[in-house]
Each structure stands twice: as C-alpha cells, then as structure tokens.
Amino acid sequence: MSDTVLLCYCSCPDDASAQALADALVGERLAACVSRLPGVRSTYRWQGAVTTDSEQLLLIKTTAARFEAMKARLLALHPYELPELVGVPVTQAHDAYLDWVRAQITA
C-alpha cells in the first residue's frame, strides 16, 4: 500500500553529511522526520578488507509512495559510493503519529 509508513536506515560518515541529508529530505518533503544517532561504530567488509568506522545513523520516516523519490535524492547527496539504505514497513505504531508522517510528506 502506497501510504505505508517506512522507517529507513542510512549511515553517514560525519555530522555535516548527516545534517545535509536530513535538511534536504525533510525540506523537500521526502521525509517527515530524520533522527540522527551519533556514535555508531560500523564494521563491514569493503573492497576485500574488514573496516571499522565511526558513523551517524539516520532514521528516516517516509512512506512507500515517496521511497523512490527519497532514495534518488539521498543517493545524489550521499558521500559514500555505496550508501546503506534499508526501508522497513511500520506495522505497529501510534496511529496519530503515522497520520502525521503521511501529512508531512504530502502537503
């Protein structure tokens, strides 16, 4: 369903890129809210080597109907060659909050 609310995860290398993404996505009504969690440590395999980096995790609230537009904008702005972007449908939540999310990105 196109009005399904998604919680999307995206990691960023630093405060500046996290803030720029949050400002753009909310400012352009591609997301209702972007929460930033600093101090995340990510360990992953990249180009054959195991790496650990400090990152900020973004929690992006949007809808399934706006996901592709949000993804396109995020990929255009993100500094990583291969940004993490995972959208998870919200199946249980406060209905009034879900209504607010939907209203913020459709207005």
N, C-alpha and C. Protein backbone atom coordinates (compact mmCIF):
# COMPACT_ATOMS: atom_id res chain seq x y z
N MET A 1 0.85 -1.18 0.00
CA MET A 1 0.00 0.00 0.00
C MET A 1 0.89 1.24 0.00
N SER A 2 0.55 2.22 -0.82
CA SER A 2 1.42 3.38 -1.00
C SER A 2 1.48 4.30 0.21
N ASP A 3 0.50 4.21 1.11
CA ASP A 3 0.57 5.08 2.29
C ASP A 3 1.20 4.38 3.49
N THR A 4 1.80 3.21 3.26
CA THR A 4 2.52 2.51 4.33
C THR A 4 3.70 3.37 4.77
N VAL A 5 3.82 3.58 6.06
CA VAL A 5 4.95 4.34 6.60
C VAL A 5 6.15 3.41 6.69
N LEU A 6 7.31 3.94 6.30
CA LEU A 6 8.57 3.21 6.36
C LEU A 6 9.50 3.88 7.34
N LEU A 7 10.28 3.07 8.03
CA LEU A 7 11.40 3.54 8.82
C LEU A 7 12.64 3.10 8.05
N CYS A 8 13.41 4.07 7.57
CA CYS A 8 14.57 3.78 6.73
C CYS A 8 15.85 4.08 7.48
N TYR A 9 16.79 3.19 7.34
CA TYR A 9 18.09 3.31 8.00
C TYR A 9 19.13 3.72 6.96
N CYS A 10 19.97 4.68 7.32
CA CYS A 10 21.05 5.11 6.44
C CYS A 10 22.22 5.60 7.31
N SER A 11 23.40 5.11 7.03
CA SER A 11 24.57 5.56 7.79
C SER A 11 25.32 6.63 7.01
N CYS A 12 25.92 7.56 7.76
CA CYS A 12 26.67 8.68 7.19
C CYS A 12 28.04 8.77 7.88
N PRO A 13 29.04 9.27 7.17
CA PRO A 13 30.38 9.30 7.76
C PRO A 13 30.61 10.38 8.80
N ASP A 14 29.78 11.43 8.79
CA ASP A 14 30.06 12.55 9.69
C ASP A 14 28.82 13.40 9.91
N ASP A 15 28.96 14.35 10.84
CA ASP A 15 27.86 15.22 11.22
C ASP A 15 27.38 16.09 10.06
N ALA A 16 28.31 16.62 9.27
CA ALA A 16 27.94 17.52 8.19
C ALA A 16 27.10 16.82 7.12
N SER A 17 27.51 15.63 6.71
CA SER A 17 26.73 14.93 5.68
C SER A 17 25.39 14.46 6.24
N ALA A 18 25.35 14.04 7.50
CA ALA A 18 24.10 13.63 8.12
C ALA A 18 23.12 14.80 8.18
N GLN A 19 23.61 15.96 8.58
CA GLN A 19 22.74 17.14 8.67
C GLN A 19 22.27 17.59 7.29
N ALA A 20 23.15 17.56 6.30
CA ALA A 20 22.77 17.96 4.95
C ALA A 20 21.69 17.05 4.38
N LEU A 21 21.83 15.76 4.61
CA LEU A 21 20.81 14.82 4.15
C LEU A 21 19.49 15.04 4.88
N ALA A 22 19.54 15.20 6.19
CA ALA A 22 18.32 15.43 6.96
C ALA A 22 17.61 16.69 6.50
N ASP A 23 18.36 17.77 6.33
CA ASP A 23 17.78 19.04 5.89
C ASP A 23 17.12 18.90 4.52
N ALA A 24 17.80 18.26 3.58
CA ALA A 24 17.27 18.11 2.23
C ALA A 24 16.01 17.24 2.22
N LEU A 25 16.06 16.10 2.87
CA LEU A 25 14.93 15.17 2.82
C LEU A 25 13.68 15.74 3.49
N VAL A 26 13.86 16.39 4.63
CA VAL A 26 12.70 16.99 5.31
C VAL A 26 12.27 18.26 4.57
N GLY A 27 13.24 19.07 4.16
CA GLY A 27 12.93 20.32 3.47
C GLY A 27 12.18 20.11 2.17
N GLU A 28 12.49 19.01 1.48
CA GLU A 28 11.85 18.71 0.19
C GLU A 28 10.64 17.79 0.35
N ARG A 29 10.20 17.57 1.58
CA ARG A 29 9.04 16.74 1.90
C ARG A 29 9.16 15.30 1.39
N LEU A 30 10.39 14.81 1.38
CA LEU A 30 10.64 13.41 1.04
C LEU A 30 10.64 12.55 2.30
N ALA A 31 10.75 13.20 3.45
CA ALA A 31 10.70 12.55 4.76
C ALA A 31 9.98 13.49 5.73
N ALA A 32 9.25 12.89 6.65
CA ALA A 32 8.58 13.70 7.66
C ALA A 32 9.54 14.10 8.76
N CYS A 33 10.49 13.21 9.05
CA CYS A 33 11.43 13.40 10.15
C CYS A 33 12.67 12.56 9.87
N VAL A 34 13.82 13.09 10.24
CA VAL A 34 15.06 12.33 10.20
C VAL A 34 15.72 12.46 11.57
N SER A 35 15.84 11.36 12.26
CA SER A 35 16.51 11.34 13.56
C SER A 35 17.95 10.91 13.34
N ARG A 36 18.88 11.59 14.02
CA ARG A 36 20.31 11.30 13.87
C ARG A 36 20.85 10.70 15.15
N LEU A 37 21.49 9.55 15.00
CA LEU A 37 22.11 8.88 16.14
C LEU A 37 23.63 8.89 15.95
N PRO A 38 24.33 9.76 16.67
CA PRO A 38 25.79 9.80 16.55
C PRO A 38 26.43 8.66 17.33
N GLY A 39 27.70 8.45 17.07
CA GLY A 39 28.47 7.49 17.87
C GLY A 39 28.30 6.05 17.46
N VAL A 40 27.77 5.80 16.28
CA VAL A 40 27.62 4.43 15.79
C VAL A 40 28.97 3.95 15.28
N ARG A 41 29.32 2.72 15.61
CA ARG A 41 30.55 2.10 15.09
C ARG A 41 30.11 0.97 14.16
N SER A 42 30.52 1.04 12.90
CA SER A 42 30.14 0.03 11.91
C SER A 42 31.37 -0.75 11.49
N THR A 43 31.24 -2.06 11.49
CA THR A 43 32.29 -2.95 10.99
C THR A 43 31.73 -3.68 9.79
N TYR A 44 32.45 -3.63 8.68
CA TYR A 44 31.96 -4.17 7.42
C TYR A 44 33.14 -4.55 6.53
N ARG A 45 32.84 -5.34 5.52
CA ARG A 45 33.86 -5.70 4.53
C ARG A 45 33.67 -4.79 3.33
N TRP A 46 34.75 -4.12 2.93
CA TRP A 46 34.69 -3.22 1.78
C TRP A 46 35.97 -3.40 0.97
N GLN A 47 35.81 -3.70 -0.29
CA GLN A 47 36.92 -3.89 -1.22
C GLN A 47 37.94 -4.88 -0.67
N GLY A 48 37.42 -5.97 -0.11
CA GLY A 48 38.25 -7.07 0.34
C GLY A 48 38.84 -6.94 1.73
N ALA A 49 38.60 -5.85 2.41
CA ALA A 49 39.18 -5.65 3.75
C ALA A 49 38.07 -5.40 4.77
N VAL A 50 38.28 -5.88 5.98
CA VAL A 50 37.36 -5.58 7.07
C VAL A 50 37.74 -4.23 7.66
N THR A 51 36.75 -3.36 7.76
CA THR A 51 36.95 -1.98 8.19
C THR A 51 35.98 -1.65 9.31
N THR A 52 36.42 -0.81 10.23
CA THR A 52 35.54 -0.27 11.26
C THR A 52 35.63 1.25 11.21
N ASP A 53 34.47 1.90 11.17
CA ASP A 53 34.41 3.36 11.11
C ASP A 53 33.37 3.90 12.09
N SER A 54 33.57 5.15 12.48
CA SER A 54 32.55 5.88 13.24
C SER A 54 31.58 6.48 12.23
N GLU A 55 30.30 6.39 12.54
CA GLU A 55 29.28 6.92 11.65
C GLU A 55 28.14 7.52 12.46
N GLN A 56 27.25 8.19 11.75
CA GLN A 56 25.96 8.60 12.31
C GLN A 56 24.90 7.79 11.58
N LEU A 57 23.94 7.30 12.33
CA LEU A 57 22.84 6.55 11.75
C LEU A 57 21.63 7.46 11.64
N LEU A 58 21.08 7.52 10.44
CA LEU A 58 19.85 8.28 10.21
C LEU A 58 18.67 7.33 10.27
N LEU A 59 17.62 7.75 10.97
CA LEU A 59 16.33 7.06 10.97
C LEU A 59 15.37 7.98 10.22
N ILE A 60 15.05 7.59 9.01
CA ILE A 60 14.26 8.42 8.10
C ILE A 60 12.83 7.90 8.07
N LYS A 61 11.87 8.77 8.37
CA LYS A 61 10.47 8.40 8.35
C LYS A 61 9.83 8.93 7.08
N THR A 62 9.34 8.02 6.23
CA THR A 62 8.71 8.38 4.96
C THR A 62 7.61 7.38 4.67
N THR A 63 7.10 7.39 3.45
CA THR A 63 6.08 6.41 3.05
C THR A 63 6.58 5.62 1.85
N ALA A 64 5.94 4.49 1.63
CA ALA A 64 6.30 3.66 0.48
C ALA A 64 6.12 4.44 -0.82
N ALA A 65 5.12 5.29 -0.88
CA ALA A 65 4.86 6.08 -2.08
C ALA A 65 5.99 7.07 -2.37
N ARG A 66 6.67 7.54 -1.36
CA ARG A 66 7.75 8.54 -1.54
C ARG A 66 9.14 7.92 -1.49
N PHE A 67 9.22 6.60 -1.28
CA PHE A 67 10.52 5.97 -1.10
C PHE A 67 11.44 6.16 -2.30
N GLU A 68 10.97 5.92 -3.50
CA GLU A 68 11.85 6.02 -4.68
C GLU A 68 12.38 7.44 -4.87
N ALA A 69 11.54 8.44 -4.67
CA ALA A 69 11.99 9.83 -4.78
C ALA A 69 12.99 10.16 -3.68
N MET A 70 12.71 9.70 -2.46
CA MET A 70 13.64 9.92 -1.35
C MET A 70 14.97 9.23 -1.63
N LYS A 71 14.92 7.98 -2.12
CA LYS A 71 16.14 7.24 -2.43
C LYS A 71 16.97 7.96 -3.48
N ALA A 72 16.34 8.44 -4.53
CA ALA A 72 17.06 9.14 -5.59
C ALA A 72 17.78 10.37 -5.05
N ARG A 73 17.11 11.13 -4.21
CA ARG A 73 17.71 12.34 -3.63
C ARG A 73 18.84 11.98 -2.68
N LEU A 74 18.62 10.97 -1.85
CA LEU A 74 19.65 10.53 -0.91
C LEU A 74 20.91 10.06 -1.67
N LEU A 75 20.72 9.27 -2.71
CA LEU A 75 21.87 8.79 -3.48
C LEU A 75 22.61 9.92 -4.18
N ALA A 76 21.88 10.95 -4.59
CA ALA A 76 22.52 12.10 -5.24
C ALA A 76 23.36 12.91 -4.26
N LEU A 77 22.96 12.95 -2.99
CA LEU A 77 23.64 13.77 -2.00
C LEU A 77 24.66 13.03 -1.15
N HIS A 78 24.53 11.73 -1.04
CA HIS A 78 25.33 10.96 -0.08
C HIS A 78 26.79 10.87 -0.53
N PRO A 79 27.74 11.04 0.41
CA PRO A 79 29.16 10.98 0.04
C PRO A 79 29.70 9.56 -0.22
N TYR A 80 29.01 8.54 0.24
CA TYR A 80 29.51 7.17 0.04
C TYR A 80 29.26 6.69 -1.39
N GLU A 81 30.15 5.86 -1.87
CA GLU A 81 29.98 5.22 -3.17
C GLU A 81 28.78 4.27 -3.15
N LEU A 82 28.59 3.60 -2.03
CA LEU A 82 27.50 2.63 -1.86
C LEU A 82 26.81 2.87 -0.52
N PRO A 83 25.90 3.85 -0.46
CA PRO A 83 25.24 4.15 0.81
C PRO A 83 24.31 3.02 1.26
N GLU A 84 24.26 2.84 2.57
CA GLU A 84 23.27 1.96 3.16
C GLU A 84 21.92 2.67 3.11
N LEU A 85 20.91 1.99 2.61
CA LEU A 85 19.54 2.49 2.69
C LEU A 85 18.62 1.28 2.75
N VAL A 86 18.00 1.10 3.90
CA VAL A 86 17.11 -0.03 4.14
C VAL A 86 15.79 0.53 4.66
N GLY A 87 14.70 0.21 3.98
CA GLY A 87 13.38 0.66 4.41
C GLY A 87 12.59 -0.49 5.00
N VAL A 88 12.06 -0.28 6.19
CA VAL A 88 11.30 -1.31 6.90
C VAL A 88 9.87 -0.80 7.10
N PRO A 89 8.87 -1.55 6.63
CA PRO A 89 7.48 -1.12 6.84
C PRO A 89 7.13 -1.10 8.33
N VAL A 90 6.44 -0.06 8.74
CA VAL A 90 5.98 0.06 10.11
C VAL A 90 4.62 -0.65 10.20
N THR A 91 4.57 -1.71 10.98
CA THR A 91 3.33 -2.48 11.09
C THR A 91 2.58 -2.20 12.38
N GLN A 92 3.26 -1.70 13.39
CA GLN A 92 2.62 -1.35 14.66
C GLN A 92 3.16 0.00 15.11
N ALA A 93 2.25 0.94 15.38
CA ALA A 93 2.68 2.27 15.82
C ALA A 93 1.47 3.05 16.33
N HIS A 94 1.75 4.21 16.84
CA HIS A 94 0.72 5.15 17.27
C HIS A 94 0.07 5.73 16.01
N ASP A 95 -1.22 5.48 15.81
CA ASP A 95 -1.90 5.87 14.58
C ASP A 95 -1.79 7.37 14.30
N ALA A 96 -1.90 8.18 15.33
CA ALA A 96 -1.81 9.63 15.14
C ALA A 96 -0.43 10.03 14.61
N TYR A 97 0.62 9.35 15.07
CA TYR A 97 1.97 9.64 14.57
C TYR A 97 2.07 9.25 13.10
N LEU A 98 1.55 8.09 12.73
CA LEU A 98 1.60 7.66 11.34
C LEU A 98 0.84 8.64 10.45
N ASP A 99 -0.29 9.13 10.92
CA ASP A 99 -1.05 10.14 10.16
C ASP A 99 -0.22 11.41 9.99
N TRP A 100 0.50 11.80 11.03
CA TRP A 100 1.36 12.99 10.94
C TRP A 100 2.46 12.79 9.90
N VAL A 101 3.11 11.61 9.91
CA VAL A 101 4.15 11.33 8.91
C VAL A 101 3.58 11.49 7.51
N ARG A 102 2.45 10.86 7.26
CA ARG A 102 1.84 10.93 5.92
C ARG A 102 1.52 12.38 5.54
N ALA A 103 1.01 13.16 6.48
CA ALA A 103 0.63 14.55 6.19
C ALA A 103 1.85 15.41 5.88
N GLN A 104 2.99 15.15 6.51
CA GLN A 104 4.17 15.99 6.31
C GLN A 104 4.77 15.83 4.93
N ILE A 105 4.63 14.68 4.34
CA ILE A 105 5.28 14.48 3.04
C ILE A 105 4.33 14.66 1.87
N THR A 106 3.06 14.89 2.14
CA THR A 106 2.11 15.09 1.05
C THR A 106 1.65 16.53 0.93
N ALA A 107 1.95 17.34 1.91
CA ALA A 107 1.48 18.73 1.90
C ALA A 107 2.24 19.57 0.89
